[in-house]
Protein backbone atom coordinates (compact mmCIF):
# COMPACT_ATOMS: atom_id res chain seq x y z
CA MET A 1 93.79 61.06 94.28
CA LYS A 2 97.38 59.87 94.48
CA LEU A 3 100.07 62.20 93.19
CA THR A 4 103.84 61.97 93.19
CA GLY A 5 106.48 64.60 92.71
CA GLU A 6 110.22 64.92 92.58
CA CYS A 7 113.03 67.39 92.19
CA PHE A 8 114.98 67.97 88.97
CA CYS A 9 117.73 65.45 89.83
CA GLY A 10 115.18 62.88 91.05
CA GLU A 11 116.80 62.36 94.46
CA VAL A 12 113.97 63.89 96.52
CA LYS A 13 110.54 62.30 96.00
CA TYR A 14 107.16 62.63 97.66
CA ARG A 15 103.61 61.28 97.51
CA ILE A 16 100.27 62.94 98.18
CA ASP A 17 97.24 60.81 99.02
CA GLY A 18 94.57 63.44 98.56
CA ALA A 19 93.47 66.36 96.46
CA LEU A 20 95.29 69.62 96.02
CA LYS A 21 93.32 72.80 96.48
CA ASP A 22 93.43 76.55 95.94
CA ALA A 23 95.97 76.57 93.09
CA ARG A 24 97.40 80.01 92.57
CA SER A 25 100.17 81.90 90.87
CA CYS A 26 101.91 84.57 92.92
CA HIS A 27 103.65 87.40 91.09
CA CYS A 28 105.28 89.18 94.04
CA SER A 29 108.98 90.02 93.96
CA ARG A 30 109.79 87.46 96.67
CA CYS A 31 108.22 84.58 94.72
CA ARG A 32 110.00 85.70 91.56
CA LYS A 33 113.31 85.41 93.41
CA ALA A 34 112.46 82.16 95.21
CA PHE A 35 111.28 80.42 92.04
CA SER A 36 113.60 82.16 89.54
CA SER A 37 110.56 82.85 87.40
CA GLN A 38 107.92 85.47 86.65
CA ALA A 39 105.64 83.82 89.25
CA SER A 40 105.12 80.77 91.39
CA ALA A 41 102.66 77.98 90.62
CA TYR A 42 101.52 76.55 93.94
CA ALA A 43 98.65 74.60 95.47
CA LEU A 44 97.69 73.84 99.04
CA VAL A 45 97.93 70.32 100.43
CA ASN A 46 96.70 68.72 103.63
CA PRO A 47 99.91 67.98 105.60
CA GLU A 48 98.50 64.65 106.79
CA GLU A 49 98.17 63.54 103.15
CA PHE A 50 101.80 64.37 102.27
CA GLU A 51 104.74 61.95 102.66
CA TRP A 52 108.41 62.17 101.70
CA LEU A 53 109.45 58.97 99.89
CA SER A 54 113.19 59.54 99.44
CA GLY A 55 115.87 62.18 99.73
CA PHE A 56 114.61 63.78 102.94
CA ASP A 57 118.24 64.20 104.03
CA LEU A 58 118.87 66.34 100.90
CA LEU A 59 116.17 68.88 101.79
CA THR A 60 117.24 72.35 102.79
CA THR A 61 114.75 74.61 104.53
CA TYR A 62 114.52 78.36 104.34
CA ALA A 63 112.07 79.85 106.86
CA SER A 64 111.24 83.53 107.32
CA GLN A 65 110.81 85.20 110.68
CA HIS A 66 107.03 84.85 110.21
CA GLY A 67 107.15 81.03 109.99
CA PHE A 68 106.61 80.74 106.24
CA GLY A 69 109.30 79.10 104.18
CA LEU A 70 110.36 76.76 101.42
CA GLN A 71 112.02 73.39 101.18
CA PHE A 72 114.27 72.62 98.26
CA CYS A 73 116.72 69.97 97.08
CA SER A 74 120.26 70.86 98.16
CA LYS A 75 121.65 68.93 95.18
CA CYS A 76 119.74 70.43 92.22
CA GLY A 77 117.96 73.41 93.82
CA SER A 78 114.37 72.51 92.90
CA THR A 79 111.84 74.18 95.20
CA LEU A 80 109.45 71.40 96.20
CA CYS A 81 107.10 72.76 98.83
CA GLY A 82 106.11 75.59 101.06
CA ILE A 83 106.01 75.28 104.82
CA TYR A 84 104.35 77.15 107.63
CA ALA A 85 105.34 76.66 111.26
CA GLY A 86 107.40 73.61 110.31
CA LYS A 87 104.59 71.77 108.47
CA ILE A 88 103.99 71.28 104.75
CA HIS A 89 101.61 73.98 103.54
CA GLY A 90 101.56 73.40 99.79
CA ILE A 91 103.56 72.14 96.84
CA THR A 92 105.02 73.67 93.71
CA LEU A 93 103.03 72.44 90.75
CA GLY A 94 106.07 72.18 88.47
CA CYS A 95 107.52 69.24 90.41
CA LEU A 96 104.44 67.01 90.06
CA ASN A 97 104.72 63.87 87.94
CA GLU A 98 101.00 63.50 87.23
CA ASN A 99 98.23 65.80 86.13
CA PRO A 100 96.74 67.21 89.37
CA GLU A 101 93.41 67.79 87.61
CA LEU A 102 93.15 71.41 88.67
CA GLU A 103 93.80 74.79 87.17
CA ILE A 104 95.36 77.88 88.64
CA GLY A 105 92.31 79.72 89.90
CA LYS A 106 93.84 83.06 90.77
CA HIS A 107 96.85 85.25 90.16
CA ILE A 108 97.86 87.19 93.24
CA PHE A 109 100.11 90.19 93.88
CA VAL A 110 99.93 91.22 90.23
CA GLY A 111 100.38 94.80 91.45
CA SER A 112 104.05 94.00 91.99
CA LYS A 113 104.59 91.78 88.94
CA ALA A 114 107.74 92.16 86.86
CA SER A 115 107.55 95.02 84.36
CA TRP A 116 108.26 92.59 81.51
CA GLU A 117 105.40 90.21 82.37
CA VAL A 118 102.06 90.48 80.58
CA ILE A 119 99.07 89.18 82.55
CA PRO A 120 96.40 87.74 80.23
CA GLU A 121 92.98 89.37 80.28
CA ASN A 122 89.91 87.65 81.73
CA ILE A 123 91.66 85.78 84.55
CA ASN A 124 91.07 86.09 88.28
CA SER A 125 93.82 88.49 89.30
CA TYR A 126 94.32 90.54 92.41
CA GLU A 127 96.58 93.52 93.02
CA MET A 128 97.54 91.95 96.34
CA HIS A 129 96.23 88.75 97.92
CA ALA A 130 92.87 87.29 97.06
CA PRO A 131 89.93 87.40 99.43
CA GLU A 132 89.24 84.12 101.23
CA ASN A 133 87.27 81.47 99.31
CA THR A 134 87.78 82.93 95.85
């Protein structure tokens, strides 16, 4: 599958030549702040299948002391991807141009969700992180 994505201003663009996997929505307080939303919408990507097409010089990286971080457009602020140890780990689903043909399979860290958010019933949700392969 070939997918493309871009930031809000369209200056930073990427391509993925492969399938996304393990789509999830994280409701922790850190994701709420990083994505300015009630949760993140994120899927894993194989780093070898990811390529920046334009605007690489506009990327700003925030990395935590544990090696996890985000890359975002310094012009418009769109969060484009997550990184781990300097490599692409996954992408934010909101910046995709095409239908990735997947659904969010789990909602994680719902135990620390915002008080104003209502989690729908009958979805895979976890108080903290989800067990592997769920």
